[in-house]
Amino acid sequence: MGRSHLLVSAAVAALCAGILVLFTDLEVSVVRWFSCGPLSTQAEERSELCQRRL
């Protein structure tokens, strides 16, 4: 493998890691919205997930 192949592989790996982090953050936000949103029960609103604000 040449140096250019290593650089391309590193760039692709970094891009994949960035996409994974982005979708993980979005997933957490969506779960929090469904769990703590306007349709949630009082017990869900008092849960640790809803009390913790990031």
N, C-alpha and C. Protein backbone atom coordinates (compact mmCIF):
# COMPACT_ATOMS: atom_id res chain seq x y z
N MET A 1 0.83 -1.18 0.00
CA MET A 1 0.00 0.00 0.00
C MET A 1 0.88 1.24 0.00
N GLY A 2 0.59 2.14 -0.89
CA GLY A 2 1.36 3.37 -0.95
C GLY A 2 0.87 4.40 0.05
N ARG A 3 1.59 5.49 0.12
CA ARG A 3 1.25 6.54 1.07
C ARG A 3 -0.12 7.15 0.73
N SER A 4 -0.41 7.32 -0.56
CA SER A 4 -1.69 7.91 -0.94
C SER A 4 -2.86 7.01 -0.53
N HIS A 5 -2.67 5.70 -0.60
CA HIS A 5 -3.73 4.78 -0.17
C HIS A 5 -3.98 4.90 1.33
N LEU A 6 -2.91 5.07 2.09
CA LEU A 6 -3.06 5.23 3.53
C LEU A 6 -3.80 6.53 3.87
N LEU A 7 -3.48 7.59 3.15
CA LEU A 7 -4.15 8.87 3.40
C LEU A 7 -5.63 8.80 3.04
N VAL A 8 -5.94 8.15 1.93
CA VAL A 8 -7.34 8.00 1.53
C VAL A 8 -8.08 7.13 2.55
N SER A 9 -7.46 6.06 2.98
CA SER A 9 -8.08 5.18 3.98
C SER A 9 -8.33 5.92 5.29
N ALA A 10 -7.37 6.73 5.71
CA ALA A 10 -7.54 7.51 6.94
C ALA A 10 -8.66 8.54 6.79
N ALA A 11 -8.75 9.17 5.62
CA ALA A 11 -9.81 10.15 5.39
C ALA A 11 -11.18 9.48 5.39
N VAL A 12 -11.29 8.33 4.78
CA VAL A 12 -12.57 7.60 4.76
C VAL A 12 -12.95 7.15 6.17
N ALA A 13 -11.98 6.68 6.93
CA ALA A 13 -12.24 6.25 8.30
C ALA A 13 -12.70 7.42 9.16
N ALA A 14 -12.07 8.58 8.99
CA ALA A 14 -12.46 9.78 9.74
C ALA A 14 -13.87 10.22 9.35
N LEU A 15 -14.19 10.16 8.07
CA LEU A 15 -15.52 10.52 7.61
C LEU A 15 -16.58 9.58 8.18
N CYS A 16 -16.30 8.29 8.17
CA CYS A 16 -17.24 7.32 8.74
C CYS A 16 -17.44 7.54 10.24
N ALA A 17 -16.37 7.82 10.95
CA ALA A 17 -16.47 8.08 12.39
C ALA A 17 -17.30 9.34 12.65
N GLY A 18 -17.10 10.37 11.85
CA GLY A 18 -17.88 11.60 12.00
C GLY A 18 -19.35 11.38 11.75
N ILE A 19 -19.68 10.60 10.73
CA ILE A 19 -21.08 10.29 10.44
C ILE A 19 -21.69 9.48 11.57
N LEU A 20 -20.96 8.53 12.12
CA LEU A 20 -21.45 7.73 13.24
C LEU A 20 -21.75 8.60 14.45
N VAL A 21 -20.86 9.52 14.77
CA VAL A 21 -21.07 10.42 15.91
C VAL A 21 -22.29 11.31 15.66
N LEU A 22 -22.41 11.84 14.45
CA LEU A 22 -23.55 12.70 14.13
C LEU A 22 -24.87 11.96 14.29
N PHE A 23 -24.98 10.77 13.73
CA PHE A 23 -26.23 10.03 13.82
C PHE A 23 -26.52 9.56 15.24
N THR A 24 -25.48 9.28 16.03
CA THR A 24 -25.70 8.91 17.42
C THR A 24 -26.28 10.09 18.20
N ASP A 25 -25.74 11.29 17.98
CA ASP A 25 -26.26 12.47 18.65
C ASP A 25 -27.70 12.75 18.24
N LEU A 26 -27.99 12.58 16.96
CA LEU A 26 -29.36 12.80 16.49
C LEU A 26 -30.31 11.77 17.10
N GLU A 27 -29.86 10.53 17.19
CA GLU A 27 -30.71 9.48 17.76
C GLU A 27 -31.03 9.77 19.22
N VAL A 28 -30.05 10.21 19.98
CA VAL A 28 -30.28 10.55 21.39
C VAL A 28 -31.28 11.69 21.50
N SER A 29 -31.18 12.68 20.64
CA SER A 29 -32.11 13.81 20.66
C SER A 29 -33.53 13.36 20.33
N VAL A 30 -33.67 12.48 19.35
CA VAL A 30 -35.00 12.00 18.96
C VAL A 30 -35.62 11.17 20.09
N VAL A 31 -34.82 10.31 20.70
CA VAL A 31 -35.33 9.50 21.81
C VAL A 31 -35.75 10.39 22.97
N ARG A 32 -34.96 11.40 23.28
CA ARG A 32 -35.31 12.33 24.36
C ARG A 32 -36.59 13.08 24.02
N TRP A 33 -36.76 13.48 22.76
CA TRP A 33 -37.96 14.22 22.38
C TRP A 33 -39.19 13.34 22.53
N PHE A 34 -39.11 12.08 22.07
CA PHE A 34 -40.26 11.18 22.22
C PHE A 34 -40.53 10.84 23.68
N SER A 35 -39.48 10.69 24.48
CA SER A 35 -39.66 10.30 25.88
C SER A 35 -40.12 11.46 26.74
N CYS A 36 -39.70 12.67 26.42
CA CYS A 36 -39.97 13.82 27.28
C CYS A 36 -40.85 14.86 26.60
N GLY A 37 -41.40 14.55 25.46
CA GLY A 37 -42.17 15.50 24.67
C GLY A 37 -43.57 15.72 25.20
N PRO A 38 -44.39 16.35 24.39
CA PRO A 38 -45.74 16.72 24.82
C PRO A 38 -46.66 15.54 25.09
N LEU A 39 -46.35 14.38 24.57
CA LEU A 39 -47.20 13.21 24.79
C LEU A 39 -46.71 12.32 25.93
N SER A 40 -45.71 12.75 26.65
CA SER A 40 -45.14 11.92 27.72
C SER A 40 -45.99 11.99 28.98
N THR A 41 -45.87 10.97 29.80
CA THR A 41 -46.59 10.94 31.07
C THR A 41 -45.78 11.70 32.13
N GLN A 42 -46.41 11.94 33.27
CA GLN A 42 -45.70 12.64 34.35
C GLN A 42 -44.52 11.82 34.86
N ALA A 43 -44.67 10.52 34.91
CA ALA A 43 -43.57 9.67 35.37
C ALA A 43 -42.38 9.78 34.41
N GLU A 44 -42.64 9.82 33.12
CA GLU A 44 -41.55 9.97 32.15
C GLU A 44 -40.89 11.34 32.29
N GLU A 45 -41.67 12.37 32.53
CA GLU A 45 -41.12 13.72 32.68
C GLU A 45 -40.22 13.82 33.91
N ARG A 46 -40.51 13.01 34.94
CA ARG A 46 -39.69 13.03 36.16
C ARG A 46 -38.50 12.09 36.07
N SER A 47 -38.39 11.34 34.98
CA SER A 47 -37.31 10.37 34.85
C SER A 47 -35.96 11.07 34.74
N GLU A 48 -34.92 10.30 34.99
CA GLU A 48 -33.56 10.83 34.93
C GLU A 48 -33.21 11.34 33.53
N LEU A 49 -33.69 10.66 32.51
CA LEU A 49 -33.43 11.07 31.14
C LEU A 49 -33.97 12.47 30.87
N CYS A 50 -35.16 12.74 31.34
CA CYS A 50 -35.78 14.04 31.07
C CYS A 50 -35.22 15.14 31.98
N GLN A 51 -34.78 14.79 33.15
CA GLN A 51 -34.23 15.78 34.08
C GLN A 51 -32.84 16.24 33.67
N ARG A 52 -32.11 15.36 33.02
CA ARG A 52 -30.74 15.66 32.62
C ARG A 52 -30.77 16.44 31.31
N ARG A 53 -30.25 17.63 31.32
CA ARG A 53 -30.18 18.46 30.11
C ARG A 53 -28.74 18.58 29.68
N LEU A 54 -28.46 18.24 28.42
CA LEU A 54 -27.09 18.32 27.91
C LEU A 54 -26.88 19.60 27.16
